[in-house]
Structure formats: C-alpha cells, structure tokens
Amino acid sequence: MKKPIVTIALLAANLAVFLGFVLYEKYVGAVDYAVYGGLYPPAVEAGQWYRFLTFLFLHGSTRHLLNNTIMIFGVGTYVEDALGHLRFLILYLSSGILGGIFSFFMYRGTNTVCIGASGAAFGLVGCLLSILLKHRGRYRQLSLKGMLILLALTVYYGISSVGIDNYGHLGGAVSGFLLGLLLYRKPKYQDHYTEG
C-alpha cells in the first residue's frame, strides 16, 4: 500500500488546530466556535463562505477528535491507496464541504454551530463502499458486509447521541459514495509474478 501521507497530514492539521485552541483558551470548552470558524448559519448567510472549509478542522473535545482520527485513519489509508494522494485530498475536502452545505441548509434559520471532520470521514466510508461495489463486494481485506455493519453502527451512534450532526454525516457519506464512483478507476490489469 502507498504511504497515507495525505491522511496523516490532515490528521496532523486537526491535532495542531485542536492543541492551538487548548493552549489559547486553556480548555476547549471555552471556545466560541461561532466566532472561530465553525459552521454558523447566520455567519455563512453574511457571506463567510470560508466556514464550509474551516469547520472541518475544529473539534469540541478530545473524544470528538479521537473518534474522528480513528475513523479517518482506519478508512483513509485504504481510500488514499486506491485513489492516490491528490484524488484522495479532493474527495476528503469535497465530501466534507458538501456534507457541510447539506447541514447548513438543514440548520438554516437556527443558531446551531457545526464543527468537526466527521462529514469528511463519512465521505471516506461512502467512497470505500463504492470501491467495494466495483470489486464485487471485496477489496483487499475488506468486505462490503463489514463496511455496511460499520456504517450502520456509526449511524446508530449518531442518532442515539446528543449533539451529533447527522445531516453532515449523511451529506458526507452520499457525497463520498458518488465521488468515489467518479474518482476511482478499477485496475484493468494485474501483474502476476512467479518464481521458477
């Protein structure tokens, strides 16, 4: 497998931003994410479109960051290997932004502030599902059944928990699936080597 350098770089960026807020605000609970780049509908409506990107790198707690890190690294290593570095970055950012746009329209007219990379993480899961479909249900050590179970568990966790942006998850997953169909090309040939 290719080294997941983009995956690692994105996770490092998330960690750096999180630690920056911890050092600046002393503890993350003091951060007003409506001010510091969170996806805040009134601010977006005022023309602050950059929030569709910045909110992806903000996390509200150590647990929030850790959950997204595990998911992004676990799935991202496979997706980055399948797509290549540039297309992986395009997929990650696009699915996160599109998930944010869907979330924005669902929360429009409220003061709900959305933060976190989970929309992009679900985009990776959606992409991996499209890859598995192109490989008839099995890709490397992964199976379509296993990924559907993972997706079902994460959706259940989101629905049963308070303060989870399920609209962002849904928008990210659907976007990632559709982008995966466009960006991933199944290899036509596979070299086989024998030793004689």
Protein backbone atom coordinates (compact mmCIF):
# COMPACT_ATOMS: atom_id res chain seq x y z
CA MET A 1 0.00 0.00 0.00
CA LYS A 2 1.06 3.58 -0.64
CA LYS A 3 2.08 5.58 2.40
CA PRO A 4 -1.00 7.55 3.54
CA ILE A 5 0.84 10.86 3.64
CA VAL A 6 -2.25 12.99 2.95
CA THR A 7 -4.26 11.15 5.59
CA ILE A 8 -1.51 11.73 8.13
CA ALA A 9 -1.14 15.39 7.10
CA LEU A 10 -4.88 16.02 7.54
CA LEU A 11 -4.88 14.34 10.95
CA ALA A 12 -1.85 16.39 11.96
CA ALA A 13 -3.67 19.57 10.91
CA ASN A 14 -6.69 18.59 13.02
CA LEU A 15 -4.44 17.93 16.01
CA ALA A 16 -2.50 21.17 15.55
CA VAL A 17 -5.69 23.26 15.45
CA PHE A 18 -7.08 21.45 18.50
CA LEU A 19 -3.88 21.97 20.50
CA GLY A 20 -3.80 25.59 19.39
CA PHE A 21 -7.23 26.19 20.89
CA VAL A 22 -6.31 24.28 24.05
CA LEU A 23 -3.24 26.49 24.55
CA TYR A 24 -5.03 29.69 23.58
CA GLU A 25 -8.25 29.16 25.51
CA LYS A 26 -6.75 26.96 28.27
CA TYR A 27 -9.57 24.46 27.71
CA VAL A 28 -11.62 23.72 24.66
CA GLY A 29 -14.97 24.25 26.38
CA ALA A 30 -14.26 27.97 26.43
CA VAL A 31 -14.04 28.27 22.64
CA ASP A 32 -16.86 30.10 20.89
CA TYR A 33 -16.87 28.19 17.60
CA ALA A 34 -19.42 30.59 16.13
CA VAL A 35 -16.60 33.14 16.22
CA TYR A 36 -13.68 30.87 15.36
CA GLY A 37 -14.70 29.35 12.03
CA GLY A 38 -17.50 26.97 12.97
CA LEU A 39 -20.34 26.36 10.52
CA TYR A 40 -22.67 29.01 11.93
CA PRO A 41 -25.67 29.71 9.65
CA PRO A 42 -26.01 33.47 10.35
CA ALA A 43 -22.30 33.98 9.60
CA VAL A 44 -22.48 31.94 6.39
CA GLU A 45 -25.53 33.92 5.28
CA ALA A 46 -23.50 37.08 5.91
CA GLY A 47 -21.00 35.89 3.28
CA GLN A 48 -18.43 33.98 5.35
CA TRP A 49 -18.28 31.05 2.92
CA TYR A 50 -14.83 30.00 4.16
CA ARG A 51 -16.60 28.37 7.10
CA PHE A 52 -17.53 25.43 4.85
CA LEU A 53 -13.82 24.58 4.99
CA THR A 54 -12.66 25.79 8.40
CA PHE A 55 -15.32 23.91 10.35
CA LEU A 56 -13.76 20.63 9.18
CA PHE A 57 -10.66 21.26 11.30
CA LEU A 58 -12.41 22.16 14.56
CA HIS A 59 -13.19 19.65 17.32
CA GLY A 60 -15.01 20.23 20.57
CA SER A 61 -13.30 17.70 22.82
CA THR A 62 -10.52 15.14 22.99
CA ARG A 63 -13.08 12.38 22.47
CA HIS A 64 -14.50 14.13 19.41
CA LEU A 65 -11.03 14.43 17.89
CA LEU A 66 -10.07 10.87 18.80
CA ASN A 67 -13.23 9.34 17.29
CA ASN A 68 -12.70 11.18 14.00
CA THR A 69 -8.97 10.37 13.98
CA ILE A 70 -9.62 6.63 14.36
CA MET A 71 -12.23 6.64 11.61
CA ILE A 72 -10.23 8.79 9.20
CA PHE A 73 -7.03 6.81 9.65
CA GLY A 74 -8.72 3.41 9.56
CA VAL A 75 -10.65 4.10 6.37
CA GLY A 76 -8.43 6.77 4.85
CA THR A 77 -5.40 4.51 4.44
CA TYR A 78 -7.39 2.24 2.12
CA VAL A 79 -9.05 5.06 0.21
CA GLU A 80 -5.82 7.01 -0.28
CA ASP A 81 -4.11 3.87 -1.57
CA ALA A 82 -6.97 3.27 -4.00
CA LEU A 83 -7.34 6.84 -5.27
CA GLY A 84 -3.84 8.24 -4.98
CA HIS A 85 -2.85 11.29 -2.96
CA LEU A 86 -4.40 14.11 -5.00
CA ARG A 87 -7.74 12.48 -5.70
CA PHE A 88 -7.93 11.42 -2.06
CA LEU A 89 -7.48 15.03 -0.95
CA ILE A 90 -10.14 16.16 -3.43
CA LEU A 91 -12.51 13.50 -2.11
CA TYR A 92 -11.88 14.31 1.56
CA LEU A 93 -12.35 18.06 1.24
CA SER A 94 -15.23 17.85 -1.23
CA SER A 95 -17.28 15.37 0.79
CA GLY A 96 -16.64 17.35 3.97
CA ILE A 97 -17.68 20.62 2.32
CA LEU A 98 -20.73 19.08 0.63
CA GLY A 99 -21.75 17.49 3.93
CA GLY A 100 -21.42 20.94 5.48
CA ILE A 101 -23.56 22.51 2.77
CA PHE A 102 -26.30 19.95 3.38
CA SER A 103 -26.05 20.54 7.12
CA PHE A 104 -26.18 24.30 6.60
CA PHE A 105 -29.46 24.11 4.67
CA MET A 106 -30.97 21.79 7.28
CA TYR A 107 -29.98 24.12 10.14
CA ARG A 108 -30.62 27.36 8.29
CA GLY A 109 -32.54 29.86 10.39
CA THR A 110 -31.12 28.48 13.65
CA ASN A 111 -28.09 29.30 15.79
CA THR A 112 -26.71 25.75 15.60
CA VAL A 113 -22.92 25.65 15.21
CA CYS A 114 -21.45 22.59 13.47
CA ILE A 115 -17.80 21.56 13.79
CA GLY A 116 -15.67 18.51 13.06
CA ALA A 117 -14.28 16.31 10.32
CA SER A 118 -16.91 13.59 10.64
CA GLY A 119 -18.64 14.61 7.40
CA ALA A 120 -15.35 14.08 5.56
CA ALA A 121 -14.81 10.83 7.48
CA PHE A 122 -18.22 9.57 6.36
CA GLY A 123 -17.26 10.64 2.85
CA LEU A 124 -14.33 8.22 3.04
CA VAL A 125 -16.69 5.44 4.15
CA GLY A 126 -19.05 6.26 1.29
CA CYS A 127 -16.16 6.18 -1.18
CA LEU A 128 -14.95 2.85 0.16
CA LEU A 129 -18.44 1.44 -0.32
CA SER A 130 -18.34 2.48 -3.98
CA ILE A 131 -14.92 0.83 -4.35
CA LEU A 132 -16.22 -2.37 -2.77
CA LEU A 133 -19.16 -2.40 -5.18
CA LYS A 134 -16.80 -2.06 -8.14
CA HIS A 135 -14.83 -5.03 -6.78
CA ARG A 136 -17.98 -7.12 -6.26
CA GLY A 137 -18.01 -6.83 -2.51
CA ARG A 138 -14.38 -7.42 -1.55
CA TYR A 139 -11.35 -5.12 -1.67
CA ARG A 140 -8.11 -6.21 -0.02
CA GLN A 141 -9.06 -7.44 3.47
CA LEU A 142 -12.36 -5.53 3.46
CA SER A 143 -15.83 -6.80 2.65
CA LEU A 144 -18.98 -4.95 1.70
CA LYS A 145 -20.86 -6.66 4.52
CA GLY A 146 -18.29 -5.50 7.09
CA MET A 147 -18.41 -1.91 5.83
CA LEU A 148 -22.21 -1.84 5.91
CA ILE A 149 -22.14 -3.07 9.51
CA LEU A 150 -19.61 -0.35 10.40
CA LEU A 151 -21.77 2.27 8.70
CA ALA A 152 -24.90 1.03 10.48
CA LEU A 153 -23.16 1.16 13.87
CA THR A 154 -21.86 4.70 13.32
CA VAL A 155 -25.27 5.89 12.11
CA TYR A 156 -26.91 4.32 15.18
CA TYR A 157 -24.38 6.02 17.44
CA GLY A 158 -25.10 9.35 15.79
CA ILE A 159 -28.87 9.02 16.06
CA SER A 160 -28.78 7.83 19.67
CA SER A 161 -26.36 10.55 20.85
CA VAL A 162 -26.97 14.20 21.63
CA GLY A 163 -25.16 16.96 19.76
CA ILE A 164 -24.25 14.91 16.67
CA ASP A 165 -24.60 16.49 13.21
CA ASN A 166 -26.30 13.59 11.44
CA TYR A 167 -27.10 15.80 8.45
CA GLY A 168 -23.38 16.38 7.93
CA HIS A 169 -22.75 12.63 8.23
CA LEU A 170 -25.44 11.82 5.67
CA GLY A 171 -24.34 14.53 3.26
CA GLY A 172 -20.71 13.44 3.56
CA ALA A 173 -21.48 9.74 3.05
CA VAL A 174 -23.65 10.29 -0.03
CA SER A 175 -21.15 12.76 -1.50
CA GLY A 176 -18.25 10.38 -0.85
CA PHE A 177 -20.11 7.49 -2.48
CA LEU A 178 -20.91 9.48 -5.64
CA LEU A 179 -17.43 11.00 -5.82
CA GLY A 180 -15.94 7.54 -5.36
CA LEU A 181 -17.84 6.32 -8.41
CA LEU A 182 -16.27 9.19 -10.40
CA LEU A 183 -12.75 9.23 -8.97
CA TYR A 184 -11.90 5.54 -8.56
CA ARG A 185 -10.75 3.55 -11.54
CA LYS A 186 -10.60 -0.20 -11.08
CA PRO A 187 -7.28 -1.51 -12.47
CA LYS A 188 -7.83 -3.36 -15.74
CA TYR A 189 -4.73 -5.47 -15.42
CA GLN A 190 -2.91 -7.03 -12.52
CA ASP A 191 0.63 -8.30 -12.83
CA HIS A 192 1.33 -11.80 -11.62
CA TYR A 193 4.84 -12.90 -10.79
CA THR A 194 6.07 -16.44 -10.50
CA GLU A 195 9.43 -17.73 -9.42
CA GLY A 196 10.95 -20.61 -11.31
